[in-house]
Amino acid sequence: MSKVLVVGGAGYLGSVLVEELLNVGFSVRVLDRMFFGVEPLARVLDRIELVVADMRDIDASHFNDCSAVINLTTARSFSLASTSMVIRRRSQPRGTSAGSM
């Protein structure tokens, strides 16, 4: 059985992907700093290897026995609150002019 390392595997996308990988027969190691807690992985905790660490601190041992790596992490340099403000600003409709097309 092949082992897959899923970096950032405890977030929403990661937890869905991890469960699907398990369902098709892969062994899974998740490396995550657990920002959202363990709840997203609750259904599969007994079937995965969980490494609680920040991806910036990853070392060669985390790759041992893995035939593939899936990186679902994102770099955040600002808080979720400021992210929300940026998304809101970008999603608000703006007027257009003939010159802007």
N, C-alpha and C. Protein backbone atom coordinates (compact mmCIF):
# COMPACT_ATOMS: atom_id res chain seq x y z
N MET A 1 0.85 -1.18 0.00
CA MET A 1 0.00 0.00 0.00
C MET A 1 0.89 1.24 0.00
N SER A 2 0.64 2.20 -0.89
CA SER A 2 1.41 3.43 -0.99
C SER A 2 0.98 4.42 0.08
N LYS A 3 1.97 5.14 0.60
CA LYS A 3 1.68 6.16 1.60
C LYS A 3 1.80 7.54 0.97
N VAL A 4 0.82 8.39 1.28
CA VAL A 4 0.78 9.75 0.76
C VAL A 4 0.90 10.71 1.94
N LEU A 5 1.80 11.69 1.81
CA LEU A 5 1.91 12.75 2.81
C LEU A 5 1.04 13.91 2.34
N VAL A 6 0.07 14.29 3.16
CA VAL A 6 -0.80 15.42 2.84
C VAL A 6 -0.45 16.55 3.80
N VAL A 7 0.24 17.56 3.28
CA VAL A 7 0.63 18.71 4.09
C VAL A 7 -0.54 19.69 4.06
N GLY A 8 -1.03 20.06 5.24
CA GLY A 8 -2.23 20.88 5.32
C GLY A 8 -3.48 20.03 5.22
N GLY A 9 -3.39 18.81 5.65
CA GLY A 9 -4.48 17.85 5.50
C GLY A 9 -5.61 17.96 6.50
N ALA A 10 -5.53 18.89 7.44
CA ALA A 10 -6.60 19.00 8.44
C ALA A 10 -7.57 20.14 8.16
N GLY A 11 -7.37 20.86 7.08
CA GLY A 11 -8.32 21.89 6.69
C GLY A 11 -9.50 21.26 5.97
N TYR A 12 -10.39 22.09 5.45
CA TYR A 12 -11.59 21.55 4.78
C TYR A 12 -11.21 20.68 3.58
N LEU A 13 -10.46 21.23 2.64
CA LEU A 13 -10.09 20.45 1.45
C LEU A 13 -9.26 19.23 1.82
N GLY A 14 -8.32 19.44 2.73
CA GLY A 14 -7.45 18.35 3.13
C GLY A 14 -8.20 17.20 3.78
N SER A 15 -9.13 17.50 4.66
CA SER A 15 -9.86 16.44 5.34
C SER A 15 -10.72 15.63 4.37
N VAL A 16 -11.28 16.29 3.36
CA VAL A 16 -12.05 15.58 2.33
C VAL A 16 -11.12 14.70 1.50
N LEU A 17 -9.99 15.26 1.09
CA LEU A 17 -9.02 14.51 0.30
C LEU A 17 -8.47 13.31 1.07
N VAL A 18 -8.14 13.50 2.34
CA VAL A 18 -7.59 12.42 3.16
C VAL A 18 -8.57 11.25 3.22
N GLU A 19 -9.83 11.55 3.45
CA GLU A 19 -10.83 10.47 3.51
C GLU A 19 -10.95 9.74 2.17
N GLU A 20 -10.90 10.47 1.07
CA GLU A 20 -10.97 9.83 -0.24
C GLU A 20 -9.74 8.97 -0.51
N LEU A 21 -8.56 9.46 -0.13
CA LEU A 21 -7.35 8.66 -0.30
C LEU A 21 -7.44 7.35 0.47
N LEU A 22 -7.94 7.42 1.69
CA LEU A 22 -8.12 6.21 2.50
C LEU A 22 -9.13 5.27 1.84
N ASN A 23 -10.20 5.83 1.32
CA ASN A 23 -11.25 5.00 0.70
C ASN A 23 -10.76 4.23 -0.52
N VAL A 24 -9.77 4.78 -1.23
CA VAL A 24 -9.26 4.07 -2.41
C VAL A 24 -8.02 3.23 -2.09
N GLY A 25 -7.66 3.16 -0.82
CA GLY A 25 -6.62 2.22 -0.41
C GLY A 25 -5.26 2.78 -0.07
N PHE A 26 -5.09 4.09 -0.08
CA PHE A 26 -3.80 4.66 0.30
C PHE A 26 -3.65 4.72 1.81
N SER A 27 -2.42 4.65 2.26
CA SER A 27 -2.08 4.94 3.64
C SER A 27 -1.76 6.44 3.65
N VAL A 28 -2.16 7.15 4.72
CA VAL A 28 -2.03 8.61 4.72
C VAL A 28 -1.34 9.11 5.98
N ARG A 29 -0.38 10.00 5.74
CA ARG A 29 0.26 10.76 6.82
C ARG A 29 -0.15 12.22 6.61
N VAL A 30 -0.69 12.83 7.65
CA VAL A 30 -1.10 14.24 7.58
C VAL A 30 -0.13 15.06 8.40
N LEU A 31 0.41 16.11 7.81
CA LEU A 31 1.23 17.08 8.53
C LEU A 31 0.46 18.39 8.52
N ASP A 32 0.11 18.87 9.71
CA ASP A 32 -0.70 20.08 9.81
C ASP A 32 -0.43 20.73 11.16
N ARG A 33 -0.54 22.04 11.21
CA ARG A 33 -0.36 22.73 12.50
C ARG A 33 -1.65 22.77 13.30
N MET A 34 -2.72 22.23 12.75
CA MET A 34 -4.00 22.07 13.43
C MET A 34 -4.65 23.40 13.79
N PHE A 35 -4.57 24.37 12.88
CA PHE A 35 -5.18 25.68 13.08
C PHE A 35 -6.68 25.55 13.35
N PHE A 36 -7.34 24.63 12.64
CA PHE A 36 -8.78 24.43 12.80
C PHE A 36 -9.12 23.32 13.79
N GLY A 37 -8.12 22.78 14.47
CA GLY A 37 -8.35 21.71 15.43
C GLY A 37 -8.43 20.36 14.75
N VAL A 38 -8.74 19.34 15.54
CA VAL A 38 -8.74 17.97 15.06
C VAL A 38 -10.10 17.55 14.49
N GLU A 39 -11.12 18.33 14.71
CA GLU A 39 -12.47 17.95 14.30
C GLU A 39 -12.60 17.58 12.82
N PRO A 40 -12.00 18.31 11.88
CA PRO A 40 -12.15 17.92 10.47
C PRO A 40 -11.66 16.49 10.17
N LEU A 41 -10.75 15.98 10.98
CA LEU A 41 -10.20 14.64 10.76
C LEU A 41 -10.79 13.59 11.72
N ALA A 42 -11.78 13.96 12.51
CA ALA A 42 -12.31 13.08 13.55
C ALA A 42 -12.74 11.71 13.01
N ARG A 43 -13.32 11.68 11.83
CA ARG A 43 -13.82 10.42 11.27
C ARG A 43 -12.71 9.46 10.85
N VAL A 44 -11.50 9.97 10.66
CA VAL A 44 -10.41 9.12 10.14
C VAL A 44 -9.19 9.07 11.05
N LEU A 45 -9.25 9.68 12.21
CA LEU A 45 -8.07 9.75 13.08
C LEU A 45 -7.45 8.40 13.38
N ASP A 46 -8.27 7.38 13.50
CA ASP A 46 -7.76 6.05 13.81
C ASP A 46 -7.14 5.35 12.60
N ARG A 47 -7.22 5.99 11.42
CA ARG A 47 -6.72 5.37 10.20
C ARG A 47 -5.57 6.15 9.56
N ILE A 48 -5.13 7.24 10.19
CA ILE A 48 -4.05 8.05 9.62
C ILE A 48 -2.91 8.20 10.60
N GLU A 49 -1.79 8.64 10.09
CA GLU A 49 -0.66 9.04 10.93
C GLU A 49 -0.69 10.57 10.95
N LEU A 50 -0.86 11.15 12.12
CA LEU A 50 -0.98 12.60 12.26
C LEU A 50 0.31 13.17 12.84
N VAL A 51 0.89 14.13 12.12
CA VAL A 51 2.08 14.84 12.58
C VAL A 51 1.67 16.29 12.78
N VAL A 52 1.68 16.73 14.04
CA VAL A 52 1.32 18.12 14.34
C VAL A 52 2.58 18.96 14.26
N ALA A 53 2.67 19.75 13.19
CA ALA A 53 3.86 20.58 12.96
C ALA A 53 3.50 21.64 11.93
N ASP A 54 4.27 22.69 11.92
CA ASP A 54 4.14 23.73 10.91
C ASP A 54 4.95 23.30 9.69
N MET A 55 4.42 23.49 8.51
CA MET A 55 5.13 23.07 7.30
C MET A 55 6.47 23.77 7.14
N ARG A 56 6.65 24.90 7.78
CA ARG A 56 7.94 25.60 7.70
C ARG A 56 9.01 24.86 8.49
N ASP A 57 8.59 23.93 9.36
CA ASP A 57 9.53 23.15 10.16
C ASP A 57 9.66 21.71 9.65
N ILE A 58 9.23 21.46 8.44
CA ILE A 58 9.26 20.10 7.89
C ILE A 58 10.70 19.64 7.73
N ASP A 59 10.93 18.36 7.97
CA ASP A 59 12.27 17.81 7.76
C ASP A 59 12.16 16.50 6.98
N ALA A 60 13.28 15.96 6.61
CA ALA A 60 13.32 14.78 5.75
C ALA A 60 12.56 13.59 6.33
N SER A 61 12.52 13.46 7.64
CA SER A 61 11.84 12.31 8.24
C SER A 61 10.34 12.29 7.94
N HIS A 62 9.75 13.44 7.69
CA HIS A 62 8.33 13.49 7.38
C HIS A 62 8.01 12.83 6.04
N PHE A 63 9.01 12.70 5.17
CA PHE A 63 8.82 12.10 3.86
C PHE A 63 9.09 10.60 3.84
N ASN A 64 9.61 10.04 4.95
CA ASN A 64 9.95 8.62 5.00
C ASN A 64 8.76 7.76 4.60
N ASP A 65 9.00 6.81 3.71
CA ASP A 65 8.02 5.83 3.26
C ASP A 65 6.88 6.42 2.44
N CYS A 66 6.97 7.68 2.04
CA CYS A 66 5.90 8.29 1.25
C CYS A 66 6.25 8.23 -0.23
N SER A 67 5.28 7.80 -1.02
CA SER A 67 5.50 7.74 -2.47
C SER A 67 4.98 8.99 -3.17
N ALA A 68 4.22 9.82 -2.43
CA ALA A 68 3.69 11.06 -3.01
C ALA A 68 3.49 12.08 -1.91
N VAL A 69 3.54 13.35 -2.31
CA VAL A 69 3.30 14.46 -1.38
C VAL A 69 2.27 15.39 -2.03
N ILE A 70 1.25 15.73 -1.26
CA ILE A 70 0.26 16.71 -1.72
C ILE A 70 0.33 17.87 -0.74
N ASN A 71 0.62 19.06 -1.26
CA ASN A 71 0.76 20.25 -0.42
C ASN A 71 -0.48 21.13 -0.59
N LEU A 72 -1.28 21.23 0.47
CA LEU A 72 -2.49 22.05 0.44
C LEU A 72 -2.36 23.28 1.32
N THR A 73 -1.15 23.64 1.67
CA THR A 73 -0.96 24.77 2.57
C THR A 73 -0.98 26.09 1.81
N THR A 74 -1.23 27.14 2.56
CA THR A 74 -1.15 28.49 2.01
C THR A 74 -0.33 29.33 2.97
N ALA A 75 0.37 30.29 2.43
CA ALA A 75 1.15 31.19 3.27
C ALA A 75 0.27 32.38 3.62
N ARG A 76 0.14 32.64 4.89
CA ARG A 76 -0.65 33.79 5.33
C ARG A 76 0.26 34.78 6.02
N SER A 77 0.22 36.01 5.55
CA SER A 77 1.02 37.05 6.20
C SER A 77 0.13 38.04 6.92
N PHE A 78 -1.16 37.76 6.95
CA PHE A 78 -2.10 38.63 7.65
C PHE A 78 -3.21 37.78 8.24
N SER A 79 -3.99 38.36 9.11
CA SER A 79 -5.01 37.60 9.82
C SER A 79 -6.19 37.25 8.93
N LEU A 80 -7.00 36.29 9.40
CA LEU A 80 -8.20 35.91 8.67
C LEU A 80 -9.17 37.08 8.56
N ALA A 81 -9.19 37.94 9.55
CA ALA A 81 -10.09 39.10 9.52
C ALA A 81 -9.73 40.01 8.36
N SER A 82 -8.46 40.27 8.16
CA SER A 82 -8.08 41.15 7.05
C SER A 82 -8.32 40.46 5.72
N THR A 83 -8.18 39.12 5.67
CA THR A 83 -8.50 38.37 4.46
C THR A 83 -9.95 38.56 4.11
N SER A 84 -10.81 38.48 5.10
CA SER A 84 -12.24 38.65 4.88
C SER A 84 -12.53 40.02 4.30
N MET A 85 -11.86 41.05 4.81
CA MET A 85 -12.08 42.41 4.31
C MET A 85 -11.66 42.52 2.84
N VAL A 86 -10.54 41.90 2.48
CA VAL A 86 -10.06 41.95 1.10
C VAL A 86 -11.04 41.25 0.18
N ILE A 87 -11.52 40.09 0.58
CA ILE A 87 -12.48 39.34 -0.24
C ILE A 87 -13.75 40.16 -0.42
N ARG A 88 -14.24 40.77 0.65
CA ARG A 88 -15.46 41.58 0.57
C ARG A 88 -15.26 42.74 -0.40
N ARG A 89 -14.12 43.41 -0.29
CA ARG A 89 -13.84 44.54 -1.16
C ARG A 89 -13.79 44.12 -2.62
N ARG A 90 -13.16 42.99 -2.90
CA ARG A 90 -13.02 42.53 -4.28
C ARG A 90 -14.33 42.02 -4.86
N SER A 91 -15.25 41.61 -4.02
CA SER A 91 -16.50 41.04 -4.52
C SER A 91 -17.58 42.09 -4.70
N GLN A 92 -17.33 43.31 -4.26
CA GLN A 92 -18.33 44.36 -4.44
C GLN A 92 -18.33 44.83 -5.89
N PRO A 93 -19.52 45.03 -6.46
CA PRO A 93 -19.58 45.46 -7.86
C PRO A 93 -18.97 46.86 -8.03
N ARG A 94 -18.32 47.04 -9.13
CA ARG A 94 -17.72 48.33 -9.46
C ARG A 94 -18.29 48.80 -10.80
N GLY A 95 -18.40 50.07 -10.94
CA GLY A 95 -18.86 50.62 -12.21
C GLY A 95 -17.79 50.49 -13.27
N THR A 96 -18.18 50.45 -14.50
CA THR A 96 -17.21 50.40 -15.59
C THR A 96 -17.42 51.59 -16.49
N SER A 97 -16.41 51.92 -17.20
CA SER A 97 -16.53 52.98 -18.20
C SER A 97 -16.07 52.44 -19.52
N ALA A 98 -16.41 53.10 -20.57
CA ALA A 98 -16.03 52.64 -21.91
C ALA A 98 -14.52 52.51 -22.05
N GLY A 99 -13.79 53.34 -21.34
CA GLY A 99 -12.34 53.31 -21.42
C GLY A 99 -11.71 52.15 -20.67
N SER A 100 -12.46 51.50 -19.79
CA SER A 100 -11.86 50.44 -18.96
C SER A 100 -12.04 49.06 -19.60
N MET A 101 -12.68 48.97 -20.74
CA MET A 101 -12.94 47.66 -21.34
C MET A 101 -11.90 47.29 -22.33
